[in-house]
Amino acid sequence: MNKEIERDLGEQPIAQIMAEHALKPNDLVSNSTEQITHKMVSRGVKGRRLNLKIQYRLLNALNKAAGKQYTLKDLFNY
């Protein structure tokens, strides 16, 4: 049997972390040393499943923008 992968996983913890630090998607995009887009941030916050490479890019940008050290487990619950 081929089970379909759940793609929409609801709002992720990254949304709350960004709110705690008063960060907008633009803050992550501008603080990133790697190429990320507003669309990637938006999809991550809304709970669309992202590949591991994009998750790490968002993690690095958030750590730089917030000045803290988070892990992937802190940002995503999948």
N, C-alpha and C. Protein backbone atom coordinates (compact mmCIF):
# COMPACT_ATOMS: atom_id res chain seq x y z
N MET A 1 0.83 -1.18 0.00
CA MET A 1 0.00 0.00 0.00
C MET A 1 0.87 1.25 0.00
N ASN A 2 0.41 2.25 -0.66
CA ASN A 2 1.11 3.51 -0.75
C ASN A 2 0.35 4.56 0.03
N LYS A 3 0.79 4.84 1.25
CA LYS A 3 0.13 5.86 2.06
C LYS A 3 0.65 7.23 1.65
N GLU A 4 -0.28 8.17 1.53
CA GLU A 4 0.11 9.52 1.16
C GLU A 4 0.73 10.21 2.38
N ILE A 5 1.80 10.93 2.16
CA ILE A 5 2.50 11.66 3.22
C ILE A 5 1.69 12.89 3.58
N GLU A 6 1.49 13.10 4.88
CA GLU A 6 0.80 14.30 5.36
C GLU A 6 1.70 15.50 5.12
N ARG A 7 1.21 16.48 4.39
CA ARG A 7 2.04 17.63 4.03
C ARG A 7 1.70 18.88 4.83
N ASP A 8 0.46 19.02 5.25
CA ASP A 8 0.05 20.19 6.00
C ASP A 8 -0.04 19.80 7.47
N LEU A 9 0.93 20.25 8.27
CA LEU A 9 1.05 19.79 9.65
C LEU A 9 0.65 20.84 10.68
N GLY A 10 0.01 21.90 10.27
CA GLY A 10 -0.42 22.93 11.21
C GLY A 10 0.73 23.84 11.61
N GLU A 11 0.37 24.90 12.32
CA GLU A 11 1.38 25.88 12.71
C GLU A 11 2.49 25.22 13.53
N GLN A 12 3.72 25.57 13.21
CA GLN A 12 4.90 24.98 13.83
C GLN A 12 5.42 25.86 14.96
N PRO A 13 6.22 25.30 15.86
CA PRO A 13 6.79 26.08 16.97
C PRO A 13 7.64 27.26 16.52
N ILE A 14 8.16 27.23 15.31
CA ILE A 14 8.95 28.36 14.82
C ILE A 14 8.12 29.64 14.82
N ALA A 15 6.81 29.53 14.61
CA ALA A 15 5.93 30.70 14.59
C ALA A 15 5.93 31.38 15.96
N GLN A 16 5.83 30.60 17.02
CA GLN A 16 5.82 31.16 18.37
C GLN A 16 7.18 31.76 18.73
N ILE A 17 8.26 31.09 18.33
CA ILE A 17 9.60 31.60 18.61
C ILE A 17 9.81 32.94 17.91
N MET A 18 9.35 33.03 16.68
CA MET A 18 9.48 34.29 15.94
C MET A 18 8.65 35.38 16.62
N ALA A 19 7.46 35.04 17.11
CA ALA A 19 6.62 36.02 17.80
C ALA A 19 7.26 36.48 19.10
N GLU A 20 7.89 35.57 19.84
CA GLU A 20 8.55 35.92 21.10
C GLU A 20 9.67 36.94 20.88
N HIS A 21 10.36 36.82 19.76
CA HIS A 21 11.47 37.72 19.45
C HIS A 21 11.04 38.87 18.54
N ALA A 22 9.75 38.98 18.28
CA ALA A 22 9.19 40.02 17.41
C ALA A 22 9.86 40.02 16.04
N LEU A 23 10.04 38.82 15.47
CA LEU A 23 10.66 38.68 14.16
C LEU A 23 9.60 38.45 13.09
N LYS A 24 9.82 39.04 11.96
CA LYS A 24 8.98 38.85 10.78
C LYS A 24 9.76 37.99 9.78
N PRO A 25 9.08 37.40 8.80
CA PRO A 25 9.81 36.62 7.79
C PRO A 25 10.93 37.39 7.13
N ASN A 26 10.74 38.69 6.92
CA ASN A 26 11.78 39.50 6.30
C ASN A 26 13.04 39.55 7.16
N ASP A 27 12.89 39.49 8.48
CA ASP A 27 14.06 39.49 9.36
C ASP A 27 14.91 38.23 9.14
N LEU A 28 14.25 37.10 8.95
CA LEU A 28 15.00 35.87 8.70
C LEU A 28 15.68 35.91 7.33
N VAL A 29 14.96 36.40 6.34
CA VAL A 29 15.54 36.46 4.98
C VAL A 29 16.74 37.39 4.96
N SER A 30 16.64 38.54 5.61
CA SER A 30 17.75 39.49 5.58
C SER A 30 18.93 39.05 6.44
N ASN A 31 18.70 38.25 7.48
CA ASN A 31 19.78 37.78 8.34
C ASN A 31 20.43 36.50 7.84
N SER A 32 19.88 35.89 6.84
CA SER A 32 20.40 34.62 6.35
C SER A 32 21.64 34.83 5.50
N THR A 33 22.65 33.98 5.73
CA THR A 33 23.83 34.00 4.88
C THR A 33 23.65 33.05 3.70
N GLU A 34 22.62 32.21 3.79
CA GLU A 34 22.28 31.28 2.70
C GLU A 34 21.05 31.83 2.00
N GLN A 35 20.76 31.29 0.85
CA GLN A 35 19.62 31.79 0.09
C GLN A 35 18.32 31.19 0.61
N ILE A 36 17.49 32.03 1.24
CA ILE A 36 16.14 31.63 1.60
C ILE A 36 15.19 32.71 1.11
N THR A 37 13.94 32.33 0.95
CA THR A 37 12.94 33.26 0.46
C THR A 37 11.84 33.44 1.50
N HIS A 38 11.05 34.46 1.30
CA HIS A 38 9.90 34.69 2.18
C HIS A 38 8.93 33.51 2.10
N LYS A 39 8.83 32.93 0.93
CA LYS A 39 7.93 31.79 0.73
C LYS A 39 8.38 30.58 1.55
N MET A 40 9.68 30.34 1.64
CA MET A 40 10.19 29.23 2.45
C MET A 40 9.84 29.44 3.92
N VAL A 41 10.03 30.67 4.39
CA VAL A 41 9.72 30.98 5.79
C VAL A 41 8.23 30.81 6.03
N SER A 42 7.42 31.32 5.13
CA SER A 42 5.97 31.21 5.27
C SER A 42 5.52 29.76 5.31
N ARG A 43 6.06 28.94 4.44
CA ARG A 43 5.69 27.53 4.42
C ARG A 43 6.13 26.82 5.70
N GLY A 44 7.30 27.16 6.21
CA GLY A 44 7.78 26.56 7.44
C GLY A 44 6.90 26.90 8.63
N VAL A 45 6.48 28.16 8.70
CA VAL A 45 5.64 28.61 9.81
C VAL A 45 4.26 27.96 9.74
N LYS A 46 3.70 27.85 8.55
CA LYS A 46 2.36 27.30 8.39
C LYS A 46 2.29 25.79 8.54
N GLY A 47 3.44 25.13 8.50
CA GLY A 47 3.43 23.69 8.71
C GLY A 47 3.53 22.86 7.46
N ARG A 48 3.90 23.48 6.35
CA ARG A 48 4.16 22.68 5.16
C ARG A 48 5.48 21.94 5.37
N ARG A 49 5.53 20.69 4.99
CA ARG A 49 6.73 19.89 5.19
C ARG A 49 7.87 20.41 4.32
N LEU A 50 8.98 20.75 4.96
CA LEU A 50 10.17 21.24 4.26
C LEU A 50 11.25 20.18 4.28
N ASN A 51 12.10 20.18 3.26
CA ASN A 51 13.20 19.22 3.29
C ASN A 51 14.24 19.68 4.31
N LEU A 52 15.12 18.78 4.66
CA LEU A 52 16.08 19.01 5.74
C LEU A 52 17.01 20.19 5.44
N LYS A 53 17.40 20.34 4.20
CA LYS A 53 18.29 21.43 3.80
C LYS A 53 17.66 22.79 4.09
N ILE A 54 16.39 22.94 3.75
CA ILE A 54 15.67 24.20 3.98
C ILE A 54 15.45 24.41 5.48
N GLN A 55 15.16 23.33 6.21
CA GLN A 55 14.98 23.45 7.66
C GLN A 55 16.24 24.01 8.30
N TYR A 56 17.41 23.51 7.90
CA TYR A 56 18.66 24.01 8.45
C TYR A 56 18.92 25.46 8.07
N ARG A 57 18.54 25.85 6.87
CA ARG A 57 18.70 27.25 6.47
C ARG A 57 17.85 28.16 7.36
N LEU A 58 16.60 27.75 7.62
CA LEU A 58 15.74 28.54 8.49
C LEU A 58 16.28 28.56 9.92
N LEU A 59 16.79 27.44 10.38
CA LEU A 59 17.37 27.36 11.71
C LEU A 59 18.55 28.32 11.85
N ASN A 60 19.45 28.31 10.89
CA ASN A 60 20.61 29.20 10.94
C ASN A 60 20.21 30.67 10.92
N ALA A 61 19.24 31.01 10.09
CA ALA A 61 18.77 32.39 10.00
C ALA A 61 18.09 32.82 11.30
N LEU A 62 17.30 31.95 11.89
CA LEU A 62 16.63 32.27 13.14
C LEU A 62 17.63 32.43 14.27
N ASN A 63 18.60 31.54 14.35
CA ASN A 63 19.63 31.65 15.40
C ASN A 63 20.38 32.98 15.29
N LYS A 64 20.69 33.38 14.08
CA LYS A 64 21.40 34.64 13.89
C LYS A 64 20.51 35.84 14.23
N ALA A 65 19.26 35.81 13.81
CA ALA A 65 18.35 36.93 14.04
C ALA A 65 17.96 37.05 15.51
N ALA A 66 17.77 35.91 16.19
CA ALA A 66 17.32 35.93 17.58
C ALA A 66 18.49 36.03 18.56
N GLY A 67 19.69 35.68 18.12
CA GLY A 67 20.83 35.70 19.01
C GLY A 67 20.83 34.58 20.02
N LYS A 68 20.12 33.50 19.71
CA LYS A 68 20.06 32.33 20.58
C LYS A 68 20.41 31.10 19.75
N GLN A 69 20.57 29.97 20.42
CA GLN A 69 20.87 28.73 19.73
C GLN A 69 19.70 27.76 19.88
N TYR A 70 18.91 27.64 18.84
CA TYR A 70 17.81 26.69 18.79
C TYR A 70 18.25 25.46 18.01
N THR A 71 17.49 24.38 18.15
CA THR A 71 17.73 23.16 17.37
C THR A 71 16.53 22.94 16.47
N LEU A 72 16.65 22.00 15.55
CA LEU A 72 15.52 21.69 14.66
C LEU A 72 14.31 21.21 15.45
N LYS A 73 14.54 20.48 16.54
CA LYS A 73 13.43 19.99 17.37
C LYS A 73 12.66 21.15 17.99
N ASP A 74 13.33 22.28 18.22
CA ASP A 74 12.66 23.47 18.77
C ASP A 74 11.77 24.14 17.74
N LEU A 75 12.13 24.02 16.48
CA LEU A 75 11.42 24.75 15.42
C LEU A 75 10.30 23.97 14.76
N PHE A 76 10.50 22.66 14.60
CA PHE A 76 9.55 21.86 13.85
C PHE A 76 9.14 20.63 14.66
N ASN A 77 7.87 20.24 14.56
CA ASN A 77 7.41 19.08 15.30
C ASN A 77 7.14 17.88 14.41
N TYR A 78 7.81 17.80 13.30
CA TYR A 78 7.72 16.62 12.44
C TYR A 78 9.07 16.06 12.14
